[in-house]
Every structure is written in structure tokens, then in C-alpha cells.
PDB file of N, CA and C in Angstrom:
ATOM      1  N   UNK A   1     -12.968  24.927  -1.479  1.00  0.00           N
ATOM      2  CA  UNK A   1     -12.058  25.575  -0.568  1.00  0.00           C
ATOM      3  C   UNK A   1     -12.090  24.823   0.753  1.00  0.00           C
ATOM      4  N   UNK A   2     -10.930  24.656   1.370  1.00  0.00           N
ATOM      5  CA  UNK A   2     -10.779  23.939   2.620  1.00  0.00           C
ATOM      6  C   UNK A   2     -10.469  24.929   3.723  1.00  0.00           C
ATOM      7  N   UNK A   3     -11.118  24.818   4.857  1.00  0.00           N
ATOM      8  CA  UNK A   3     -10.861  25.679   6.003  1.00  0.00           C
ATOM      9  C   UNK A   3     -10.339  24.813   7.141  1.00  0.00           C
ATOM     10  N   UNK A   4      -9.193  25.181   7.697  1.00  0.00           N
ATOM     11  CA  UNK A   4      -8.562  24.392   8.748  1.00  0.00           C
ATOM     12  C   UNK A   4      -8.132  25.328   9.872  1.00  0.00           C
ATOM     13  N   UNK A   5      -8.452  24.961  11.105  1.00  0.00           N
ATOM     14  CA  UNK A   5      -8.001  25.743  12.246  1.00  0.00           C
ATOM     15  C   UNK A   5      -6.573  25.355  12.596  1.00  0.00           C
ATOM     16  N   UNK A   6      -5.877  26.248  13.258  1.00  0.00           N
ATOM     17  CA  UNK A   6      -4.516  25.976  13.671  1.00  0.00           C
ATOM     18  C   UNK A   6      -4.000  27.096  14.545  1.00  0.00           C
ATOM     19  N   UNK A   7      -2.697  27.158  14.720  1.00  0.00           N
ATOM     20  CA  UNK A   7      -2.073  28.189  15.532  1.00  0.00           C
ATOM     21  C   UNK A   7      -0.903  28.797  14.771  1.00  0.00           C
ATOM     22  N   UNK A   8      -0.499  29.980  15.205  1.00  0.00           N
ATOM     23  CA  UNK A   8       0.641  30.681  14.616  1.00  0.00           C
ATOM     24  C   UNK A   8       1.723  30.733  15.680  1.00  0.00           C
ATOM     25  N   UNK A   9       2.914  30.209  15.366  1.00  0.00           N
ATOM     26  CA  UNK A   9       3.993  30.152  16.352  1.00  0.00           C
ATOM     27  C   UNK A   9       5.334  30.331  15.652  1.00  0.00           C
ATOM     28  N   UNK A  10       6.151  31.231  16.182  1.00  0.00           N
ATOM     29  CA  UNK A  10       7.487  31.486  15.639  1.00  0.00           C
ATOM     30  C   UNK A  10       7.467  31.793  14.136  1.00  0.00           C
ATOM     31  N   UNK A  11       6.486  32.591  13.710  1.00  0.00           N
ATOM     32  CA  UNK A  11       6.449  33.031  12.324  1.00  0.00           C
ATOM     33  C   UNK A  11       5.887  32.037  11.331  1.00  0.00           C
ATOM     34  N   UNK A  12       5.296  30.933  11.812  1.00  0.00           N
ATOM     35  CA  UNK A  12       4.746  29.931  10.899  1.00  0.00           C
ATOM     36  C   UNK A  12       3.366  29.488  11.372  1.00  0.00           C
ATOM     37  N   UNK A  13       2.489  29.227  10.412  1.00  0.00           N
ATOM     38  CA  UNK A  13       1.154  28.710  10.718  1.00  0.00           C
ATOM     39  C   UNK A  13       1.231  27.192  10.826  1.00  0.00           C
ATOM     40  N   UNK A  14       0.600  26.645  11.861  1.00  0.00           N
ATOM     41  CA  UNK A  14       0.600  25.205  12.101  1.00  0.00           C
ATOM     42  C   UNK A  14      -0.848  24.719  12.148  1.00  0.00           C
ATOM     43  N   UNK A  15      -1.284  23.922  11.154  1.00  0.00           N
ATOM     44  CA  UNK A  15      -2.659  23.419  11.176  1.00  0.00           C
ATOM     45  C   UNK A  15      -2.873  22.465  12.342  1.00  0.00           C
ATOM     46  N   UNK A  16      -4.091  22.452  12.884  1.00  0.00           N
ATOM     47  CA  UNK A  16      -4.431  21.596  14.020  1.00  0.00           C
ATOM     48  C   UNK A  16      -4.687  20.158  13.586  1.00  0.00           C
ATOM     49  N   UNK A  17      -4.814  19.916  12.308  1.00  0.00           N
ATOM     50  CA  UNK A  17      -5.051  18.569  11.798  1.00  0.00           C
ATOM     51  C   UNK A  17      -4.247  18.369  10.523  1.00  0.00           C
ATOM     52  N   UNK A  18      -4.049  17.127  10.178  1.00  0.00           N
ATOM     53  CA  UNK A  18      -3.307  16.815   8.961  1.00  0.00           C
ATOM     54  C   UNK A  18      -4.135  17.202   7.739  1.00  0.00           C
ATOM     55  N   UNK A  19      -3.503  17.875   6.789  1.00  0.00           N
ATOM     56  CA  UNK A  19      -4.212  18.291   5.577  1.00  0.00           C
ATOM     57  C   UNK A  19      -3.440  17.813   4.359  1.00  0.00           C
ATOM     58  N   UNK A  20      -4.151  17.569   3.302  1.00  0.00           N
ATOM     59  CA  UNK A  20      -3.519  17.088   2.078  1.00  0.00           C
ATOM     60  C   UNK A  20      -3.373  18.208   1.066  1.00  0.00           C
ATOM     61  N   UNK A  21      -2.295  18.932   1.137  1.00  0.00           N
ATOM     62  CA  UNK A  21      -2.021  19.972   0.162  1.00  0.00           C
ATOM     63  C   UNK A  21      -0.786  19.587  -0.631  1.00  0.00           C
ATOM     64  N   UNK A  22      -0.382  20.452  -1.532  1.00  0.00           N
ATOM     65  CA  UNK A  22       0.829  20.180  -2.298  1.00  0.00           C
ATOM     66  C   UNK A  22       1.776  21.357  -2.145  1.00  0.00           C
ATOM     67  N   UNK A  23       3.057  21.112  -2.256  1.00  0.00           N
ATOM     68  CA  UNK A  23       4.053  22.168  -2.133  1.00  0.00           C
ATOM     69  C   UNK A  23       3.792  23.252  -3.163  1.00  0.00           C
ATOM     70  N   UNK A  24       3.841  24.489  -2.728  1.00  0.00           N
ATOM     71  CA  UNK A  24       3.621  25.616  -3.624  1.00  0.00           C
ATOM     72  C   UNK A  24       2.170  25.994  -3.808  1.00  0.00           C
ATOM     73  N   UNK A  25       1.250  25.246  -3.221  1.00  0.00           N
ATOM     74  CA  UNK A  25      -0.174  25.545  -3.369  1.00  0.00           C
ATOM     75  C   UNK A  25      -0.505  26.847  -2.650  1.00  0.00           C
ATOM     76  N   UNK A  26      -1.293  27.709  -3.266  1.00  0.00           N
ATOM     77  CA  UNK A  26      -1.680  28.984  -2.681  1.00  0.00           C
ATOM     78  C   UNK A  26      -2.650  28.761  -1.520  1.00  0.00           C
ATOM     79  N   UNK A  27      -2.499  29.536  -0.452  1.00  0.00           N
ATOM     80  CA  UNK A  27      -3.374  29.462   0.709  1.00  0.00           C
ATOM     81  C   UNK A  27      -3.738  30.870   1.148  1.00  0.00           C
ATOM     82  N   UNK A  28      -4.801  30.988   1.914  1.00  0.00           N
ATOM     83  CA  UNK A  28      -5.190  32.239   2.547  1.00  0.00           C
ATOM     84  C   UNK A  28      -5.174  31.984   4.046  1.00  0.00           C
ATOM     85  N   UNK A  29      -4.453  32.804   4.775  1.00  0.00           N
ATOM     86  CA  UNK A  29      -4.389  32.672   6.225  1.00  0.00           C
ATOM     87  C   UNK A  29      -5.113  33.864   6.831  1.00  0.00           C
ATOM     88  N   UNK A  30      -6.126  33.597   7.647  1.00  0.00           N
ATOM     89  CA  UNK A  30      -6.904  34.641   8.302  1.00  0.00           C
ATOM     90  C   UNK A  30      -6.651  34.552   9.797  1.00  0.00           C
ATOM     91  N   UNK A  31      -6.196  35.650  10.386  1.00  0.00           N
ATOM     92  CA  UNK A  31      -5.951  35.676  11.828  1.00  0.00           C
ATOM     93  C   UNK A  31      -7.254  36.000  12.547  1.00  0.00           C
ATOM     94  N   UNK A  32      -7.619  35.175  13.516  1.00  0.00           N
ATOM     95  CA  UNK A  32      -8.834  35.372  14.296  1.00  0.00           C
ATOM     96  C   UNK A  32      -8.539  36.252  15.499  1.00  0.00           C
ATOM     97  N   UNK A  33      -9.526  37.017  15.910  1.00  0.00           N
ATOM     98  CA  UNK A  33      -9.397  37.807  17.133  1.00  0.00           C
ATOM     99  C   UNK A  33      -9.294  36.838  18.306  1.00  0.00           C
ATOM    100  N   UNK A  34      -8.554  37.204  19.329  1.00  0.00           N
ATOM    101  CA  UNK A  34      -8.353  36.324  20.480  1.00  0.00           C
ATOM    102  C   UNK A  34      -9.674  35.898  21.117  1.00  0.00           C
ATOM    103  N   UNK A  35     -10.646  36.822  21.213  1.00  0.00           N
ATOM    104  CA  UNK A  35     -11.917  36.461  21.840  1.00  0.00           C
ATOM    105  C   UNK A  35     -12.783  35.586  20.938  1.00  0.00           C
ATOM    106  N   UNK A  36     -12.394  35.407  19.675  1.00  0.00           N
ATOM    107  CA  UNK A  36     -13.154  34.544  18.764  1.00  0.00           C
ATOM    108  C   UNK A  36     -12.768  33.078  18.930  1.00  0.00           C
ATOM    109  N   UNK A  37     -11.643  32.833  19.612  1.00  0.00           N
ATOM    110  CA  UNK A  37     -11.202  31.454  19.805  1.00  0.00           C
ATOM    111  C   UNK A  37     -12.007  30.801  20.912  1.00  0.00           C
ATOM    112  N   UNK A  38     -12.468  29.574  20.707  1.00  0.00           N
ATOM    113  CA  UNK A  38     -13.219  28.887  21.759  1.00  0.00           C
ATOM    114  C   UNK A  38     -12.281  28.524  22.914  1.00  0.00           C
ATOM    115  N   UNK A  39     -12.798  28.434  24.115  1.00  0.00           N
ATOM    116  CA  UNK A  39     -11.951  28.038  25.234  1.00  0.00           C
ATOM    117  C   UNK A  39     -11.452  26.605  25.039  1.00  0.00           C
ATOM    118  N   UNK A  40     -10.218  26.376  25.446  1.00  0.00           N
ATOM    119  CA  UNK A  40      -9.640  25.038  25.308  1.00  0.00           C
ATOM    120  C   UNK A  40     -10.242  24.115  26.360  1.00  0.00           C
ATOM    121  N   UNK A  41     -10.702  22.941  25.946  1.00  0.00           N
ATOM    122  CA  UNK A  41     -11.302  22.017  26.922  1.00  0.00           C
ATOM    123  C   UNK A  41     -10.244  21.454  27.861  1.00  0.00           C
ATOM    124  N   UNK A  42     -10.670  21.178  29.058  1.00  0.00           N
ATOM    125  CA  UNK A  42      -9.779  20.521  30.000  1.00  0.00           C
ATOM    126  C   UNK A  42      -9.963  19.016  29.871  1.00  0.00           C
ATOM    127  N   UNK A  43      -8.934  18.287  30.162  1.00  0.00           N
ATOM    128  CA  UNK A  43      -8.990  16.836  30.048  1.00  0.00           C
ATOM    129  C   UNK A  43      -9.423  16.245  31.377  1.00  0.00           C
ATOM    130  N   UNK A  44     -10.509  15.501  31.353  1.00  0.00           N
ATOM    131  CA  UNK A  44     -10.995  14.813  32.537  1.00  0.00           C
ATOM    132  C   UNK A  44     -10.688  13.336  32.351  1.00  0.00           C
ATOM    133  N   UNK A  45      -9.539  12.910  32.848  1.00  0.00           N
ATOM    134  CA  UNK A  45      -9.116  11.527  32.605  1.00  0.00           C
ATOM    135  C   UNK A  45     -10.046  10.511  33.233  1.00  0.00           C
ATOM    136  N   UNK A  46     -10.675  10.848  34.348  1.00  0.00           N
ATOM    137  CA  UNK A  46     -11.604   9.905  34.980  1.00  0.00           C
ATOM    138  C   UNK A  46     -12.792   9.641  34.057  1.00  0.00           C
ATOM    139  N   UNK A  47     -13.292  10.685  33.400  1.00  0.00           N
ATOM    140  CA  UNK A  47     -14.427  10.511  32.485  1.00  0.00           C
ATOM    141  C   UNK A  47     -14.020   9.675  31.271  1.00  0.00           C
ATOM    142  N   UNK A  48     -12.806   9.950  30.730  1.00  0.00           N
ATOM    143  CA  UNK A  48     -12.337   9.160  29.585  1.00  0.00           C
ATOM    144  C   UNK A  48     -12.142   7.697  29.977  1.00  0.00           C
ATOM    145  N   UNK A  49     -11.614   7.454  31.171  1.00  0.00           N
ATOM    146  CA  UNK A  49     -11.431   6.083  31.641  1.00  0.00           C
ATOM    147  C   UNK A  49     -12.774   5.379  31.786  1.00  0.00           C
ATOM    148  N   UNK A  50     -13.776   6.078  32.316  1.00  0.00           N
ATOM    149  CA  UNK A  50     -15.111   5.495  32.467  1.00  0.00           C
ATOM    150  C   UNK A  50     -15.714   5.179  31.105  1.00  0.00           C
ATOM    151  N   UNK A  51     -15.518   6.081  30.134  1.00  0.00           N
ATOM    152  CA  UNK A  51     -16.028   5.826  28.784  1.00  0.00           C
ATOM    153  C   UNK A  51     -15.347   4.617  28.161  1.00  0.00           C
ATOM    154  N   UNK A  52     -14.036   4.530  28.313  1.00  0.00           N
ATOM    155  CA  UNK A  52     -13.309   3.392  27.759  1.00  0.00           C
ATOM    156  C   UNK A  52     -13.779   2.082  28.392  1.00  0.00           C
ATOM    157  N   UNK A  53     -14.023   2.062  29.680  1.00  0.00           N
ATOM    158  CA  UNK A  53     -14.524   0.861  30.342  1.00  0.00           C
ATOM    159  C   UNK A  53     -15.904   0.494  29.823  1.00  0.00           C
ATOM    160  N   UNK A  54     -16.755   1.495  29.599  1.00  0.00           N
ATOM    161  CA  UNK A  54     -18.098   1.236  29.071  1.00  0.00           C
ATOM    162  C   UNK A  54     -18.023   0.658  27.667  1.00  0.00           C
ATOM    163  N   UNK A  55     -17.161   1.219  26.823  1.00  0.00           N
ATOM    164  CA  UNK A  55     -17.002   0.711  25.453  1.00  0.00           C
ATOM    165  C   UNK A  55     -16.510  -0.739  25.490  1.00  0.00           C
ATOM    166  N   UNK A  56     -15.534  -1.016  26.329  1.00  0.00           N
ATOM    167  CA  UNK A  56     -15.024  -2.384  26.438  1.00  0.00           C
ATOM    168  C   UNK A  56     -16.103  -3.336  26.950  1.00  0.00           C
ATOM    169  N   UNK A  57     -16.917  -2.879  27.886  1.00  0.00           N
ATOM    170  CA  UNK A  57     -17.985  -3.707  28.437  1.00  0.00           C
ATOM    171  C   UNK A  57     -19.043  -4.025  27.373  1.00  0.00           C
ATOM    172  N   UNK A  58     -19.313  -3.054  26.498  1.00  0.00           N
ATOM    173  CA  UNK A  58     -20.363  -3.216  25.490  1.00  0.00           C
ATOM    174  C   UNK A  58     -19.862  -3.829  24.186  1.00  0.00           C
ATOM    175  N   UNK A  59     -18.568  -4.082  24.074  1.00  0.00           N
ATOM    176  CA  UNK A  59     -18.002  -4.619  22.845  1.00  0.00           C
ATOM    177  C   UNK A  59     -18.539  -6.014  22.565  1.00  0.00           C
ATOM    178  N   UNK A  60     -18.922  -6.238  21.323  1.00  0.00           N
ATOM    179  CA  UNK A  60     -19.397  -7.550  20.882  1.00  0.00           C
ATOM    180  C   UNK A  60     -18.463  -8.021  19.771  1.00  0.00           C
ATOM    181  N   UNK A  61     -17.879  -9.192  19.917  1.00  0.00           N
ATOM    182  CA  UNK A  61     -16.990  -9.735  18.884  1.00  0.00           C
ATOM    183  C   UNK A  61     -17.844 -10.429  17.831  1.00  0.00           C
ATOM    184  N   UNK A  62     -17.833  -9.907  16.608  1.00  0.00           N
ATOM    185  CA  UNK A  62     -18.647 -10.464  15.533  1.00  0.00           C
ATOM    186  C   UNK A  62     -17.855 -11.365  14.606  1.00  0.00           C
ATOM    187  N   UNK A  63     -16.524 -11.201  14.609  1.00  0.00           N
ATOM    188  CA  UNK A  63     -15.713 -11.963  13.671  1.00  0.00           C
ATOM    189  C   UNK A  63     -15.693 -11.349  12.275  1.00  0.00           C
ATOM    190  N   UNK A  64     -16.340 -10.192  12.107  1.00  0.00           N
ATOM    191  CA  UNK A  64     -16.385  -9.509  10.814  1.00  0.00           C
ATOM    192  C   UNK A  64     -15.411  -8.337  10.891  1.00  0.00           C
ATOM    193  N   UNK A  65     -14.286  -8.422  10.172  1.00  0.00           N
ATOM    194  CA  UNK A  65     -13.237  -7.417  10.307  1.00  0.00           C
ATOM    195  C   UNK A  65     -13.591  -6.066   9.692  1.00  0.00           C
ATOM    196  N   UNK A  66     -14.501  -6.029   8.707  1.00  0.00           N
ATOM    197  CA  UNK A  66     -14.830  -4.765   8.048  1.00  0.00           C
ATOM    198  C   UNK A  66     -16.240  -4.281   8.391  1.00  0.00           C
ATOM    199  N   UNK A  67     -16.746  -4.675   9.546  1.00  0.00           N
ATOM    200  CA  UNK A  67     -18.121  -4.346   9.922  1.00  0.00           C
ATOM    201  C   UNK A  67     -18.365  -2.841   9.956  1.00  0.00           C
ATOM    202  N   UNK A  68     -17.471  -2.071  10.568  1.00  0.00           N
ATOM    203  CA  UNK A  68     -17.686  -0.628  10.664  1.00  0.00           C
ATOM    204  C   UNK A  68     -17.640   0.019   9.279  1.00  0.00           C
ATOM    205  N   UNK A  69     -16.706  -0.409   8.443  1.00  0.00           N
ATOM    206  CA  UNK A  69     -16.552   0.184   7.112  1.00  0.00           C
ATOM    207  C   UNK A  69     -17.696  -0.220   6.176  1.00  0.00           C
ATOM    208  N   UNK A  70     -18.188  -1.419   6.307  1.00  0.00           N
ATOM    209  CA  UNK A  70     -19.207  -1.944   5.393  1.00  0.00           C
ATOM    210  C   UNK A  70     -20.567  -2.102   6.073  1.00  0.00           C
ATOM    211  N   UNK A  71     -20.888  -1.263   7.038  1.00  0.00           N
ATOM    212  CA  UNK A  71     -22.121  -1.437   7.803  1.00  0.00           C
ATOM    213  C   UNK A  71     -23.379  -1.428   6.938  1.00  0.00           C
ATOM    214  N   UNK A  72     -23.433  -0.614   5.869  1.00  0.00           N
ATOM    215  CA  UNK A  72     -24.613  -0.616   4.996  1.00  0.00           C
ATOM    216  C   UNK A  72     -24.791  -1.964   4.308  1.00  0.00           C
ATOM    217  N   UNK A  73     -23.697  -2.618   3.989  1.00  0.00           N
ATOM    218  CA  UNK A  73     -23.774  -3.939   3.361  1.00  0.00           C
ATOM    219  C   UNK A  73     -24.384  -4.950   4.333  1.00  0.00           C
ATOM    220  N   UNK A  74     -23.880  -4.956   5.559  1.00  0.00           N
ATOM    221  CA  UNK A  74     -24.340  -5.943   6.534  1.00  0.00           C
ATOM    222  C   UNK A  74     -25.716  -5.624   7.101  1.00  0.00           C
ATOM    223  N   UNK A  75     -26.060  -4.335   7.216  1.00  0.00           N
ATOM    224  CA  UNK A  75     -27.359  -3.966   7.772  1.00  0.00           C
ATOM    225  C   UNK A  75     -28.469  -3.963   6.731  1.00  0.00           C
ATOM    226  N   UNK A  76     -28.173  -3.461   5.518  1.00  0.00           N
ATOM    227  CA  UNK A  76     -29.221  -3.228   4.538  1.00  0.00           C
ATOM    228  C   UNK A  76     -29.050  -4.020   3.249  1.00  0.00           C
ATOM    229  N   UNK A  77     -28.007  -4.848   3.156  1.00  0.00           N
ATOM    230  CA  UNK A  77     -27.793  -5.661   1.973  1.00  0.00           C
ATOM    231  C   UNK A  77     -27.282  -4.896   0.767  1.00  0.00           C
ATOM    232  N   UNK A  78     -26.777  -3.692   0.978  1.00  0.00           N
ATOM    233  CA  UNK A  78     -26.232  -2.905  -0.150  1.00  0.00           C
ATOM    234  C   UNK A  78     -24.905  -3.507  -0.587  1.00  0.00           C
ATOM    235  N   UNK A  79     -24.475  -3.227  -1.824  1.00  0.00           N
ATOM    236  CA  UNK A  79     -23.168  -3.736  -2.278  1.00  0.00           C
ATOM    237  C   UNK A  79     -22.045  -3.181  -1.416  1.00  0.00           C
ATOM    238  N   UNK A  80     -20.988  -3.958  -1.259  1.00  0.00           N
ATOM    239  CA  UNK A  80     -19.834  -3.506  -0.478  1.00  0.00           C
ATOM    240  C   UNK A  80     -19.170  -2.334  -1.178  1.00  0.00           C
ATOM    241  N   UNK A  81     -18.687  -1.381  -0.377  1.00  0.00           N
ATOM    242  CA  UNK A  81     -17.954  -0.224  -0.874  1.00  0.00           C
ATOM    243  C   UNK A  81     -16.481  -0.604  -0.978  1.00  0.00           C
ATOM    244  N   UNK A  82     -15.785   0.002  -1.904  1.00  0.00           N
ATOM    245  CA  UNK A  82     -14.349  -0.263  -2.048  1.00  0.00           C
ATOM    246  C   UNK A  82     -13.550   0.634  -1.171  1.00  0.00           C
TER     247      UNK A  82
END
């Protein structure tokens, strides 16, 4: 079973993330109490900008295009994943 958060607007449920379902698939929609919803975070653009600058500063060009996807192969010598 898959659980996805979302919102209800104009008579329709809208998931907060993309989900892979099929047309006609049965679903269960549970309405949460208003106080059960977490507060929405505020966007601090200065903090995001500082993080982006730090990531760019720490970036190392390895020349390996699949390093993130195949990290176990490069770190531990495991076979590459498909």
C-alpha cells in the first residue's frame, strides 16, 4: 500500500508528489484534521543561496558521469547496477 500526502481543492484530491498509478485503480482517501497538518516551512532564500555556494565550492570534477549512481562500484568494487 502506498501513502501519499496532498491537498483537496475544488472537489478533487491533488497528491503532493508524482505517483505511478493506473486509471481506474482503487484508492482510499483519508481526510486529516487541520491540526494534524504540519506547519508549512517558510523559504529562506539567503540560506538556500549560501548552501548552493557551499556545494559549488566543494564540487570536485571526477570525470565519472555515473559516480553518484554507481558509488558502491567505485568505492567498494561491487558490480555495477543496471
